[in-house]
Amino acid sequence: MLGGDVQFGNLLLGGFLGYRDIDVAFADAIVGSEAEASGWQLGLTAAYDVGSFYIRGLGSRAKLDGDLERRFDIGTLAGESRADPALTVWSFYGELVAASTWAAHRGSLRLRPSTTPA
């Protein structure tokens, strides 16, 4: 993952780019199964902070290509199933935090919506 940001007064804007390579082997399974995926992720960030409150947001998109293999052996039935999914994952995060006058810490409201289109 590689990223950076630039500050303009109280505003901070940034971005990031990364490559993911995921290999999972289910070694504890009796007959074994595997999952693999690889792809790129791209995202943008923004924050505005004036001391008494701040607002921050992040959005990203990941495009992954996967290979799944599941072996099974149930009684006299044995075989395997395979899949080749292509995934696009969008993720969004937002945060608004204001100084609290009734406590010694900041209170916060956080929104973390995430969606994966079918």
PDB file of N, CA and C in Angstrom:
ATOM      1  N   MET A   1       0.858  -1.160   0.000  1.00  0.00           N
ATOM      2  CA  MET A   1       0.000   0.000   0.000  1.00  0.00           C
ATOM      3  C   MET A   1       0.907   1.226   0.000  1.00  0.00           C
ATOM      4  N   LEU A   2       0.562   2.175  -0.834  1.00  0.00           N
ATOM      5  CA  LEU A   2       1.322   3.409  -0.952  1.00  0.00           C
ATOM      6  C   LEU A   2       0.320   4.558  -0.956  1.00  0.00           C
ATOM      7  N   GLY A   3       0.610   5.601  -0.203  1.00  0.00           N
ATOM      8  CA  GLY A   3      -0.313   6.725  -0.143  1.00  0.00           C
ATOM      9  C   GLY A   3       0.383   8.009   0.250  1.00  0.00           C
ATOM     10  N   GLY A   4      -0.368   9.081   0.193  1.00  0.00           N
ATOM     11  CA  GLY A   4       0.160  10.378   0.583  1.00  0.00           C
ATOM     12  C   GLY A   4      -0.970  11.364   0.770  1.00  0.00           C
ATOM     13  N   ASP A   5      -0.646  12.508   1.371  1.00  0.00           N
ATOM     14  CA  ASP A   5      -1.657  13.543   1.553  1.00  0.00           C
ATOM     15  C   ASP A   5      -1.015  14.921   1.467  1.00  0.00           C
ATOM     16  N   VAL A   6      -1.889  15.902   1.264  1.00  0.00           N
ATOM     17  CA  VAL A   6      -1.480  17.298   1.149  1.00  0.00           C
ATOM     18  C   VAL A   6      -2.390  18.121   2.046  1.00  0.00           C
ATOM     19  N   GLN A   7      -1.804  19.071   2.770  1.00  0.00           N
ATOM     20  CA  GLN A   7      -2.592  19.905   3.682  1.00  0.00           C
ATOM     21  C   GLN A   7      -2.746  21.310   3.119  1.00  0.00           C
ATOM     22  N   PHE A   8      -3.981  21.825   3.189  1.00  0.00           N
ATOM     23  CA  PHE A   8      -4.329  23.191   2.792  1.00  0.00           C
ATOM     24  C   PHE A   8      -5.013  23.840   3.997  1.00  0.00           C
ATOM     25  N   GLY A   9      -4.259  24.484   4.868  1.00  0.00           N
ATOM     26  CA  GLY A   9      -4.833  25.065   6.082  1.00  0.00           C
ATOM     27  C   GLY A   9      -5.383  23.973   6.981  1.00  0.00           C
ATOM     28  N   ASN A  10      -6.696  24.003   7.255  1.00  0.00           N
ATOM     29  CA  ASN A  10      -7.333  22.992   8.102  1.00  0.00           C
ATOM     30  C   ASN A  10      -7.808  21.775   7.324  1.00  0.00           C
ATOM     31  N   LEU A  11      -7.648  21.774   6.014  1.00  0.00           N
ATOM     32  CA  LEU A  11      -8.109  20.689   5.148  1.00  0.00           C
ATOM     33  C   LEU A  11      -6.950  19.784   4.759  1.00  0.00           C
ATOM     34  N   LEU A  12      -7.159  18.490   4.879  1.00  0.00           N
ATOM     35  CA  LEU A  12      -6.168  17.491   4.506  1.00  0.00           C
ATOM     36  C   LEU A  12      -6.790  16.573   3.457  1.00  0.00           C
ATOM     37  N   LEU A  13      -6.164  16.460   2.282  1.00  0.00           N
ATOM     38  CA  LEU A  13      -6.637  15.592   1.211  1.00  0.00           C
ATOM     39  C   LEU A  13      -5.574  14.548   0.911  1.00  0.00           C
ATOM     40  N   GLY A  14      -5.998  13.313   0.681  1.00  0.00           N
ATOM     41  CA  GLY A  14      -5.025  12.259   0.425  1.00  0.00           C
ATOM     42  C   GLY A  14      -5.584  11.161  -0.452  1.00  0.00           C
ATOM     43  N   GLY A  15      -4.710  10.259  -0.802  1.00  0.00           N
ATOM     44  CA  GLY A  15      -5.090   9.114  -1.606  1.00  0.00           C
ATOM     45  C   GLY A  15      -4.144   7.955  -1.355  1.00  0.00           C
ATOM     46  N   PHE A  16      -4.568   6.767  -1.776  1.00  0.00           N
ATOM     47  CA  PHE A  16      -3.723   5.592  -1.610  1.00  0.00           C
ATOM     48  C   PHE A  16      -4.012   4.587  -2.713  1.00  0.00           C
ATOM     49  N   LEU A  17      -3.031   3.731  -2.961  1.00  0.00           N
ATOM     50  CA  LEU A  17      -3.104   2.695  -3.971  1.00  0.00           C
ATOM     51  C   LEU A  17      -2.405   1.470  -3.407  1.00  0.00           C
ATOM     52  N   GLY A  18      -2.996   0.320  -3.618  1.00  0.00           N
ATOM     53  CA  GLY A  18      -2.371  -0.886  -3.101  1.00  0.00           C
ATOM     54  C   GLY A  18      -2.717  -2.101  -3.933  1.00  0.00           C
ATOM     55  N   TYR A  19      -1.898  -3.134  -3.813  1.00  0.00           N
ATOM     56  CA  TYR A  19      -2.118  -4.403  -4.480  1.00  0.00           C
ATOM     57  C   TYR A  19      -2.301  -5.461  -3.414  1.00  0.00           C
ATOM     58  N   ARG A  20      -3.296  -6.299  -3.582  1.00  0.00           N
ATOM     59  CA  ARG A  20      -3.574  -7.365  -2.619  1.00  0.00           C
ATOM     60  C   ARG A  20      -3.370  -8.716  -3.274  1.00  0.00           C
ATOM     61  N   ASP A  21      -2.743  -9.618  -2.552  1.00  0.00           N
ATOM     62  CA  ASP A  21      -2.549 -10.992  -3.008  1.00  0.00           C
ATOM     63  C   ASP A  21      -2.855 -11.892  -1.826  1.00  0.00           C
ATOM     64  N   ILE A  22      -3.953 -12.603  -1.914  1.00  0.00           N
ATOM     65  CA  ILE A  22      -4.456 -13.394  -0.792  1.00  0.00           C
ATOM     66  C   ILE A  22      -4.422 -14.868  -1.173  1.00  0.00           C
ATOM     67  N   ASP A  23      -3.782 -15.682  -0.358  1.00  0.00           N
ATOM     68  CA  ASP A  23      -3.750 -17.132  -0.535  1.00  0.00           C
ATOM     69  C   ASP A  23      -4.129 -17.771   0.788  1.00  0.00           C
ATOM     70  N   VAL A  24      -5.203 -18.560   0.779  1.00  0.00           N
ATOM     71  CA  VAL A  24      -5.658 -19.231   1.994  1.00  0.00           C
ATOM     72  C   VAL A  24      -5.761 -20.718   1.717  1.00  0.00           C
ATOM     73  N   ALA A  25      -5.071 -21.519   2.504  1.00  0.00           N
ATOM     74  CA  ALA A  25      -5.165 -22.974   2.420  1.00  0.00           C
ATOM     75  C   ALA A  25      -5.760 -23.461   3.730  1.00  0.00           C
ATOM     76  N   PHE A  26      -6.818 -24.216   3.644  1.00  0.00           N
ATOM     77  CA  PHE A  26      -7.481 -24.726   4.834  1.00  0.00           C
ATOM     78  C   PHE A  26      -6.869 -26.072   5.199  1.00  0.00           C
ATOM     79  N   ALA A  27      -5.697 -26.006   5.792  1.00  0.00           N
ATOM     80  CA  ALA A  27      -4.925 -27.210   6.106  1.00  0.00           C
ATOM     81  C   ALA A  27      -5.608 -28.090   7.148  1.00  0.00           C
ATOM     82  N   ASP A  28      -6.448 -27.525   7.998  1.00  0.00           N
ATOM     83  CA  ASP A  28      -7.102 -28.310   9.038  1.00  0.00           C
ATOM     84  C   ASP A  28      -8.318 -29.072   8.512  1.00  0.00           C
ATOM     85  N   ALA A  29      -8.731 -28.805   7.263  1.00  0.00           N
ATOM     86  CA  ALA A  29      -9.852 -29.545   6.691  1.00  0.00           C
ATOM     87  C   ALA A  29      -9.383 -30.957   6.344  1.00  0.00           C
ATOM     88  N   ILE A  30     -10.262 -31.929   6.477  1.00  0.00           N
ATOM     89  CA  ILE A  30      -9.894 -33.328   6.241  1.00  0.00           C
ATOM     90  C   ILE A  30      -9.432 -33.539   4.798  1.00  0.00           C
ATOM     91  N   VAL A  31     -10.109 -32.935   3.835  1.00  0.00           N
ATOM     92  CA  VAL A  31      -9.758 -33.140   2.431  1.00  0.00           C
ATOM     93  C   VAL A  31      -9.158 -31.897   1.786  1.00  0.00           C
ATOM     94  N   GLY A  32      -9.068 -30.804   2.501  1.00  0.00           N
ATOM     95  CA  GLY A  32      -8.396 -29.604   2.015  1.00  0.00           C
ATOM     96  C   GLY A  32      -9.218 -28.756   1.063  1.00  0.00           C
ATOM     97  N   SER A  33      -9.028 -27.473   1.154  1.00  0.00           N
ATOM     98  CA  SER A  33      -9.670 -26.493   0.282  1.00  0.00           C
ATOM     99  C   SER A  33      -8.757 -25.285   0.189  1.00  0.00           C
ATOM    100  N   GLU A  34      -8.916 -24.486  -0.884  1.00  0.00           N
ATOM    101  CA  GLU A  34      -8.064 -23.322  -1.088  1.00  0.00           C
ATOM    102  C   GLU A  34      -8.875 -22.152  -1.614  1.00  0.00           C
ATOM    103  N   ALA A  35      -8.405 -20.955  -1.296  1.00  0.00           N
ATOM    104  CA  ALA A  35      -8.981 -19.729  -1.840  1.00  0.00           C
ATOM    105  C   ALA A  35      -7.832 -18.786  -2.171  1.00  0.00           C
ATOM    106  N   GLU A  36      -7.887 -18.189  -3.361  1.00  0.00           N
ATOM    107  CA  GLU A  36      -6.871 -17.235  -3.785  1.00  0.00           C
ATOM    108  C   GLU A  36      -7.554 -16.038  -4.420  1.00  0.00           C
ATOM    109  N   ALA A  37      -6.995 -14.866  -4.218  1.00  0.00           N
ATOM    110  CA  ALA A  37      -7.514 -13.649  -4.855  1.00  0.00           C
ATOM    111  C   ALA A  37      -6.375 -12.645  -4.978  1.00  0.00           C
ATOM    112  N   SER A  38      -6.443 -11.833  -6.016  1.00  0.00           N
ATOM    113  CA  SER A  38      -5.466 -10.768  -6.177  1.00  0.00           C
ATOM    114  C   SER A  38      -6.132  -9.613  -6.901  1.00  0.00           C
ATOM    115  N   GLY A  39      -5.624  -8.414  -6.671  1.00  0.00           N
ATOM    116  CA  GLY A  39      -6.184  -7.251  -7.338  1.00  0.00           C
ATOM    117  C   GLY A  39      -5.714  -5.947  -6.713  1.00  0.00           C
ATOM    118  N   TRP A  40      -6.226  -4.859  -7.272  1.00  0.00           N
ATOM    119  CA  TRP A  40      -5.823  -3.511  -6.883  1.00  0.00           C
ATOM    120  C   TRP A  40      -6.875  -2.830  -6.032  1.00  0.00           C
ATOM    121  N   GLN A  41      -6.424  -1.907  -5.177  1.00  0.00           N
ATOM    122  CA  GLN A  41      -7.299  -1.073  -4.363  1.00  0.00           C
ATOM    123  C   GLN A  41      -6.870   0.373  -4.535  1.00  0.00           C
ATOM    124  N   LEU A  42      -7.846   1.257  -4.650  1.00  0.00           N
ATOM    125  CA  LEU A  42      -7.616   2.680  -4.831  1.00  0.00           C
ATOM    126  C   LEU A  42      -8.544   3.438  -3.883  1.00  0.00           C
ATOM    127  N   GLY A  43      -8.048   4.472  -3.231  1.00  0.00           N
ATOM    128  CA  GLY A  43      -8.901   5.199  -2.298  1.00  0.00           C
ATOM    129  C   GLY A  43      -8.513   6.657  -2.143  1.00  0.00           C
ATOM    130  N   LEU A  44      -9.470   7.430  -1.639  1.00  0.00           N
ATOM    131  CA  LEU A  44      -9.273   8.851  -1.353  1.00  0.00           C
ATOM    132  C   LEU A  44      -9.668   9.130   0.090  1.00  0.00           C
ATOM    133  N   THR A  45      -8.976  10.089   0.713  1.00  0.00           N
ATOM    134  CA  THR A  45      -9.295  10.497   2.082  1.00  0.00           C
ATOM    135  C   THR A  45      -9.399  12.015   2.141  1.00  0.00           C
ATOM    136  N   ALA A  46     -10.174  12.490   3.086  1.00  0.00           N
ATOM    137  CA  ALA A  46     -10.289  13.930   3.324  1.00  0.00           C
ATOM    138  C   ALA A  46     -10.577  14.155   4.804  1.00  0.00           C
ATOM    139  N   ALA A  47     -10.045  15.231   5.337  1.00  0.00           N
ATOM    140  CA  ALA A  47     -10.301  15.590   6.737  1.00  0.00           C
ATOM    141  C   ALA A  47     -10.277  17.113   6.872  1.00  0.00           C
ATOM    142  N   TYR A  48     -11.130  17.623   7.752  1.00  0.00           N
ATOM    143  CA  TYR A  48     -11.171  19.045   8.070  1.00  0.00           C
ATOM    144  C   TYR A  48     -11.193  19.153   9.589  1.00  0.00           C
ATOM    145  N   ASP A  49     -10.179  19.822  10.164  1.00  0.00           N
ATOM    146  CA  ASP A  49     -10.021  19.870  11.621  1.00  0.00           C
ATOM    147  C   ASP A  49      -9.765  21.312  12.057  1.00  0.00           C
ATOM    148  N   VAL A  50     -10.646  21.825  12.954  1.00  0.00           N
ATOM    149  CA  VAL A  50     -10.460  23.180  13.483  1.00  0.00           C
ATOM    150  C   VAL A  50     -10.188  23.168  14.990  1.00  0.00           C
ATOM    151  N   GLY A  51      -9.946  21.995  15.549  1.00  0.00           N
ATOM    152  CA  GLY A  51      -9.633  21.908  16.980  1.00  0.00           C
ATOM    153  C   GLY A  51     -10.842  21.565  17.824  1.00  0.00           C
ATOM    154  N   SER A  52     -11.922  22.339  17.709  1.00  0.00           N
ATOM    155  CA  SER A  52     -13.122  22.048  18.497  1.00  0.00           C
ATOM    156  C   SER A  52     -13.969  20.950  17.865  1.00  0.00           C
ATOM    157  N   PHE A  53     -13.776  20.676  16.572  1.00  0.00           N
ATOM    158  CA  PHE A  53     -14.426  19.555  15.914  1.00  0.00           C
ATOM    159  C   PHE A  53     -13.624  19.179  14.676  1.00  0.00           C
ATOM    160  N   TYR A  54     -13.856  17.967  14.205  1.00  0.00           N
ATOM    161  CA  TYR A  54     -13.295  17.574  12.911  1.00  0.00           C
ATOM    162  C   TYR A  54     -14.263  16.642  12.196  1.00  0.00           C
ATOM    163  N   ILE A  55     -14.126  16.611  10.897  1.00  0.00           N
ATOM    164  CA  ILE A  55     -14.888  15.708  10.060  1.00  0.00           C
ATOM    165  C   ILE A  55     -13.885  14.998   9.163  1.00  0.00           C
ATOM    166  N   ARG A  56     -14.092  13.691   8.977  1.00  0.00           N
ATOM    167  CA  ARG A  56     -13.129  12.899   8.221  1.00  0.00           C
ATOM    168  C   ARG A  56     -13.892  11.873   7.390  1.00  0.00           C
ATOM    169  N   GLY A  57     -13.396  11.590   6.206  1.00  0.00           N
ATOM    170  CA  GLY A  57     -14.032  10.596   5.344  1.00  0.00           C
ATOM    171  C   GLY A  57     -13.018   9.838   4.514  1.00  0.00           C
ATOM    172  N   LEU A  58     -13.409   8.649   4.123  1.00  0.00           N
ATOM    173  CA  LEU A  58     -12.551   7.790   3.321  1.00  0.00           C
ATOM    174  C   LEU A  58     -13.444   6.973   2.399  1.00  0.00           C
ATOM    175  N   GLY A  59     -13.032   6.831   1.162  1.00  0.00           N
ATOM    176  CA  GLY A  59     -13.735   5.974   0.216  1.00  0.00           C
ATOM    177  C   GLY A  59     -12.730   5.172  -0.577  1.00  0.00           C
ATOM    178  N   SER A  60     -13.050   3.900  -0.847  1.00  0.00           N
ATOM    179  CA  SER A  60     -12.119   3.084  -1.615  1.00  0.00           C
ATOM    180  C   SER A  60     -12.866   2.109  -2.505  1.00  0.00           C
ATOM    181  N   ARG A  61     -12.151   1.634  -3.505  1.00  0.00           N
ATOM    182  CA  ARG A  61     -12.683   0.641  -4.430  1.00  0.00           C
ATOM    183  C   ARG A  61     -11.601  -0.413  -4.642  1.00  0.00           C
ATOM    184  N   ALA A  62     -11.975  -1.671  -4.506  1.00  0.00           N
ATOM    185  CA  ALA A  62     -11.045  -2.772  -4.730  1.00  0.00           C
ATOM    186  C   ALA A  62     -11.625  -3.679  -5.813  1.00  0.00           C
ATOM    187  N   LYS A  63     -10.781  -4.104  -6.707  1.00  0.00           N
ATOM    188  CA  LYS A  63     -11.175  -5.024  -7.782  1.00  0.00           C
ATOM    189  C   LYS A  63     -10.317  -6.268  -7.626  1.00  0.00           C
ATOM    190  N   LEU A  64     -10.955  -7.407  -7.302  1.00  0.00           N
ATOM    191  CA  LEU A  64     -10.234  -8.645  -7.030  1.00  0.00           C
ATOM    192  C   LEU A  64     -10.694  -9.755  -7.971  1.00  0.00           C
ATOM    193  N   ASP A  65      -9.761 -10.582  -8.383  1.00  0.00           N
ATOM    194  CA  ASP A  65     -10.063 -11.763  -9.182  1.00  0.00           C
ATOM    195  C   ASP A  65      -9.673 -12.967  -8.342  1.00  0.00           C
ATOM    196  N   GLY A  66     -10.593 -13.907  -8.164  1.00  0.00           N
ATOM    197  CA  GLY A  66     -10.330 -15.013  -7.257  1.00  0.00           C
ATOM    198  C   GLY A  66     -10.474 -16.377  -7.899  1.00  0.00           C
ATOM    199  N   ASP A  67      -9.940 -17.370  -7.222  1.00  0.00           N
ATOM    200  CA  ASP A  67     -10.075 -18.779  -7.566  1.00  0.00           C
ATOM    201  C   ASP A  67     -10.380 -19.529  -6.275  1.00  0.00           C
ATOM    202  N   LEU A  68     -11.453 -20.295  -6.277  1.00  0.00           N
ATOM    203  CA  LEU A  68     -11.840 -21.070  -5.102  1.00  0.00           C
ATOM    204  C   LEU A  68     -11.912 -22.546  -5.472  1.00  0.00           C
ATOM    205  N   GLU A  69     -11.451 -23.376  -4.564  1.00  0.00           N
ATOM    206  CA  GLU A  69     -11.504 -24.808  -4.767  1.00  0.00           C
ATOM    207  C   GLU A  69     -11.893 -25.471  -3.456  1.00  0.00           C
ATOM    208  N   ARG A  70     -12.950 -26.254  -3.489  1.00  0.00           N
ATOM    209  CA  ARG A  70     -13.448 -26.912  -2.276  1.00  0.00           C
ATOM    210  C   ARG A  70     -13.569 -28.405  -2.552  1.00  0.00           C
ATOM    211  N   ARG A  71     -12.831 -29.186  -1.820  1.00  0.00           N
ATOM    212  CA  ARG A  71     -12.915 -30.637  -1.947  1.00  0.00           C
ATOM    213  C   ARG A  71     -13.866 -31.174  -0.893  1.00  0.00           C
ATOM    214  N   PHE A  72     -14.554 -32.243  -1.231  1.00  0.00           N
ATOM    215  CA  PHE A  72     -15.464 -32.846  -0.246  1.00  0.00           C
ATOM    216  C   PHE A  72     -15.406 -34.363  -0.357  1.00  0.00           C
ATOM    217  N   ASP A  73     -15.681 -34.995   0.745  1.00  0.00           N
ATOM    218  CA  ASP A  73     -15.691 -36.453   0.843  1.00  0.00           C
ATOM    219  C   ASP A  73     -16.699 -36.818   1.926  1.00  0.00           C
ATOM    220  N   ILE A  74     -17.914 -37.167   1.497  1.00  0.00           N
ATOM    221  CA  ILE A  74     -19.002 -37.468   2.426  1.00  0.00           C
ATOM    222  C   ILE A  74     -19.507 -38.869   2.111  1.00  0.00           C
ATOM    223  N   GLY A  75     -19.153 -39.812   2.951  1.00  0.00           N
ATOM    224  CA  GLY A  75     -19.551 -41.199   2.697  1.00  0.00           C
ATOM    225  C   GLY A  75     -18.962 -41.687   1.389  1.00  0.00           C
ATOM    226  N   THR A  76     -19.838 -42.118   0.469  1.00  0.00           N
ATOM    227  CA  THR A  76     -19.374 -42.593  -0.835  1.00  0.00           C
ATOM    228  C   THR A  76     -19.332 -41.476  -1.876  1.00  0.00           C
ATOM    229  N   LEU A  77     -19.699 -40.279  -1.490  1.00  0.00           N
ATOM    230  CA  LEU A  77     -19.708 -39.126  -2.395  1.00  0.00           C
ATOM    231  C   LEU A  77     -18.428 -38.321  -2.201  1.00  0.00           C
ATOM    232  N   ALA A  78     -17.645 -38.181  -3.265  1.00  0.00           N
ATOM    233  CA  ALA A  78     -16.400 -37.420  -3.185  1.00  0.00           C
ATOM    234  C   ALA A  78     -16.247 -36.597  -4.455  1.00  0.00           C
ATOM    235  N   GLY A  79     -15.590 -35.460  -4.336  1.00  0.00           N
ATOM    236  CA  GLY A  79     -15.377 -34.613  -5.505  1.00  0.00           C
ATOM    237  C   GLY A  79     -14.864 -33.263  -5.094  1.00  0.00           C
ATOM    238  N   GLU A  80     -15.033 -32.308  -5.996  1.00  0.00           N
ATOM    239  CA  GLU A  80     -14.614 -30.950  -5.694  1.00  0.00           C
ATOM    240  C   GLU A  80     -15.482 -29.972  -6.468  1.00  0.00           C
ATOM    241  N   SER A  81     -15.581 -28.785  -5.936  1.00  0.00           N
ATOM    242  CA  SER A  81     -16.280 -27.696  -6.626  1.00  0.00           C
ATOM    243  C   SER A  81     -15.288 -26.559  -6.807  1.00  0.00           C
ATOM    244  N   ARG A  82     -15.439 -25.845  -7.926  1.00  0.00           N
ATOM    245  CA  ARG A  82     -14.533 -24.739  -8.240  1.00  0.00           C
ATOM    246  C   ARG A  82     -15.344 -23.513  -8.616  1.00  0.00           C
ATOM    247  N   ALA A  83     -14.774 -22.351  -8.345  1.00  0.00           N
ATOM    248  CA  ALA A  83     -15.404 -21.078  -8.719  1.00  0.00           C
ATOM    249  C   ALA A  83     -14.305 -20.085  -9.080  1.00  0.00           C
ATOM    250  N   ASP A  84     -14.648 -19.133  -9.929  1.00  0.00           N
ATOM    251  CA  ASP A  84     -13.710 -18.100 -10.369  1.00  0.00           C
ATOM    252  C   ASP A  84     -14.400 -16.742 -10.239  1.00  0.00           C
ATOM    253  N   PRO A  85     -14.595 -16.261  -9.007  1.00  0.00           N
ATOM    254  CA  PRO A  85     -15.327 -14.990  -8.829  1.00  0.00           C
ATOM    255  C   PRO A  85     -14.463 -13.769  -9.150  1.00  0.00           C
ATOM    256  N   ALA A  86     -15.114 -12.757  -9.683  1.00  0.00           N
ATOM    257  CA  ALA A  86     -14.511 -11.441  -9.880  1.00  0.00           C
ATOM    258  C   ALA A  86     -15.284 -10.483  -8.975  1.00  0.00           C
ATOM    259  N   LEU A  87     -14.613  -9.834  -8.058  1.00  0.00           N
ATOM    260  CA  LEU A  87     -15.262  -9.006  -7.045  1.00  0.00           C
ATOM    261  C   LEU A  87     -14.893  -7.547  -7.198  1.00  0.00           C
ATOM    262  N   THR A  88     -15.877  -6.679  -7.039  1.00  0.00           N
ATOM    263  CA  THR A  88     -15.641  -5.251  -6.911  1.00  0.00           C
ATOM    264  C   THR A  88     -16.214  -4.835  -5.565  1.00  0.00           C
ATOM    265  N   VAL A  89     -15.377  -4.295  -4.709  1.00  0.00           N
ATOM    266  CA  VAL A  89     -15.789  -3.922  -3.357  1.00  0.00           C
ATOM    267  C   VAL A  89     -15.620  -2.418  -3.177  1.00  0.00           C
ATOM    268  N   TRP A  90     -16.717  -1.740  -2.864  1.00  0.00           N
ATOM    269  CA  TRP A  90     -16.698  -0.318  -2.529  1.00  0.00           C
ATOM    270  C   TRP A  90     -16.799  -0.198  -1.017  1.00  0.00           C
ATOM    271  N   SER A  91     -16.047   0.705  -0.432  1.00  0.00           N
ATOM    272  CA  SER A  91     -16.091   0.904   1.011  1.00  0.00           C
ATOM    273  C   SER A  91     -16.065   2.405   1.306  1.00  0.00           C
ATOM    274  N   PHE A  92     -16.924   2.831   2.239  1.00  0.00           N
ATOM    275  CA  PHE A  92     -16.996   4.238   2.629  1.00  0.00           C
ATOM    276  C   PHE A  92     -17.006   4.336   4.150  1.00  0.00           C
ATOM    277  N   TYR A  93     -16.344   5.359   4.656  1.00  0.00           N
ATOM    278  CA  TYR A  93     -16.274   5.578   6.102  1.00  0.00           C
ATOM    279  C   TYR A  93     -16.346   7.074   6.354  1.00  0.00           C
ATOM    280  N   GLY A  94     -17.112   7.482   7.352  1.00  0.00           N
ATOM    281  CA  GLY A  94     -17.190   8.881   7.720  1.00  0.00           C
ATOM    282  C   GLY A  94     -17.197   9.053   9.225  1.00  0.00           C
ATOM    283  N   GLU A  95     -16.678  10.174   9.689  1.00  0.00           N
ATOM    284  CA  GLU A  95     -16.589  10.420  11.128  1.00  0.00           C
ATOM    285  C   GLU A  95     -16.735  11.919  11.382  1.00  0.00           C
ATOM    286  N   LEU A  96     -17.562  12.252  12.351  1.00  0.00           N
ATOM    287  CA  LEU A  96     -17.729  13.633  12.797  1.00  0.00           C
ATOM    288  C   LEU A  96     -17.525  13.638  14.300  1.00  0.00           C
ATOM    289  N   VAL A  97     -16.562  14.412  14.774  1.00  0.00           N
ATOM    290  CA  VAL A  97     -16.244  14.438  16.206  1.00  0.00           C
ATOM    291  C   VAL A  97     -16.205  15.889  16.672  1.00  0.00           C
ATOM    292  N   ALA A  98     -16.904  16.173  17.766  1.00  0.00           N
ATOM    293  CA  ALA A  98     -16.926  17.515  18.345  1.00  0.00           C
ATOM    294  C   ALA A  98     -16.495  17.453  19.801  1.00  0.00           C
ATOM    295  N   ALA A  99     -15.868  18.520  20.272  1.00  0.00           N
ATOM    296  CA  ALA A  99     -15.455  18.592  21.681  1.00  0.00           C
ATOM    297  C   ALA A  99     -16.693  18.599  22.559  1.00  0.00           C
ATOM    298  N   SER A 100     -16.632  17.854  23.637  1.00  0.00           N
ATOM    299  CA  SER A 100     -17.755  17.755  24.560  1.00  0.00           C
ATOM    300  C   SER A 100     -17.569  18.741  25.708  1.00  0.00           C
ATOM    301  N   THR A 101     -18.605  19.507  26.033  1.00  0.00           N
ATOM    302  CA  THR A 101     -18.528  20.432  27.161  1.00  0.00           C
ATOM    303  C   THR A 101     -18.905  19.755  28.470  1.00  0.00           C
ATOM    304  N   TRP A 102     -19.496  18.565  28.417  1.00  0.00           N
ATOM    305  CA  TRP A 102     -19.943  17.875  29.631  1.00  0.00           C
ATOM    306  C   TRP A 102     -19.017  16.747  30.061  1.00  0.00           C
ATOM    307  N   ALA A 103     -17.934  16.522  29.323  1.00  0.00           N
ATOM    308  CA  ALA A 103     -17.000  15.459  29.713  1.00  0.00           C
ATOM    309  C   ALA A 103     -15.576  15.873  29.312  1.00  0.00           C
ATOM    310  N   ALA A 104     -14.631  15.164  29.835  1.00  0.00           N
ATOM    311  CA  ALA A 104     -13.233  15.481  29.561  1.00  0.00           C
ATOM    312  C   ALA A 104     -12.730  14.852  28.262  1.00  0.00           C
ATOM    313  N   HIS A 105     -13.605  14.220  27.513  1.00  0.00           N
ATOM    314  CA  HIS A 105     -13.202  13.599  26.250  1.00  0.00           C
ATOM    315  C   HIS A 105     -14.151  14.013  25.136  1.00  0.00           C
ATOM    316  N   ARG A 106     -13.778  13.709  23.936  1.00  0.00           N
ATOM    317  CA  ARG A 106     -14.627  14.009  22.790  1.00  0.00           C
ATOM    318  C   ARG A 106     -15.689  12.925  22.623  1.00  0.00           C
ATOM    319  N   GLY A 107     -16.886  13.348  22.273  1.00  0.00           N
ATOM    320  CA  GLY A 107     -17.922  12.403  21.892  1.00  0.00           C
ATOM    321  C   GLY A 107     -17.877  12.270  20.386  1.00  0.00           C
ATOM    322  N   SER A 108     -18.373  11.184  19.834  1.00  0.00           N
ATOM    323  CA  SER A 108     -18.285  11.038  18.387  1.00  0.00           C
ATOM    324  C   SER A 108     -19.493  10.326  17.807  1.00  0.00           C
ATOM    325  N   LEU A 109     -19.731  10.616  16.559  1.00  0.00           N
ATOM    326  CA  LEU A 109     -20.733   9.934  15.750  1.00  0.00           C
ATOM    327  C   LEU A 109     -19.978   9.330  14.579  1.00  0.00           C
ATOM    328  N   ARG A 110     -20.065   8.024  14.399  1.00  0.00           N
ATOM    329  CA  ARG A 110     -19.320   7.368  13.332  1.00  0.00           C
ATOM    330  C   ARG A 110     -20.277   6.593  12.435  1.00  0.00           C
ATOM    331  N   LEU A 111     -20.107   6.760  11.148  1.00  0.00           N
ATOM    332  CA  LEU A 111     -20.883   6.042  10.149  1.00  0.00           C
ATOM    333  C   LEU A 111     -19.925   5.155   9.367  1.00  0.00           C
ATOM    334  N   ARG A 112     -20.255   3.881   9.211  1.00  0.00           N
ATOM    335  CA  ARG A 112     -19.385   2.965   8.485  1.00  0.00           C
ATOM    336  C   ARG A 112     -20.172   2.133   7.480  1.00  0.00           C
ATOM    337  N   PRO A 113     -20.783   2.769   6.507  1.00  0.00           N
ATOM    338  CA  PRO A 113     -21.499   1.969   5.506  1.00  0.00           C
ATOM    339  C   PRO A 113     -20.529   1.270   4.570  1.00  0.00           C
ATOM    340  N   SER A 114     -20.863   0.080   4.157  1.00  0.00           N
ATOM    341  CA  SER A 114     -20.046  -0.677   3.223  1.00  0.00           C
ATOM    342  C   SER A 114     -20.969  -1.485   2.343  1.00  0.00           C
ATOM    343  N   THR A 115     -20.642  -1.607   1.075  1.00  0.00           N
ATOM    344  CA  THR A 115     -21.495  -2.356   0.175  1.00  0.00           C
ATOM    345  C   THR A 115     -20.652  -3.181  -0.779  1.00  0.00           C
ATOM    346  N   THR A 116     -21.178  -4.322  -1.166  1.00  0.00           N
ATOM    347  CA  THR A 116     -20.560  -5.169  -2.174  1.00  0.00           C
ATOM    348  C   THR A 116     -21.635  -5.484  -3.213  1.00  0.00           C
ATOM    349  N   PRO A 117     -21.546  -4.888  -4.395  1.00  0.00           N
ATOM    350  CA  PRO A 117     -22.566  -5.159  -5.413  1.00  0.00           C
ATOM    351  C   PRO A 117     -22.583  -6.634  -5.819  1.00  0.00           C
ATOM    352  N   ALA A 118     -23.778  -7.129  -6.100  1.00  0.00           N
ATOM    353  CA  ALA A 118     -23.925  -8.535  -6.505  1.00  0.00           C
ATOM    354  C   ALA A 118     -23.603  -8.710  -7.976  1.00  0.00           C
TER     355      ALA A 118
END
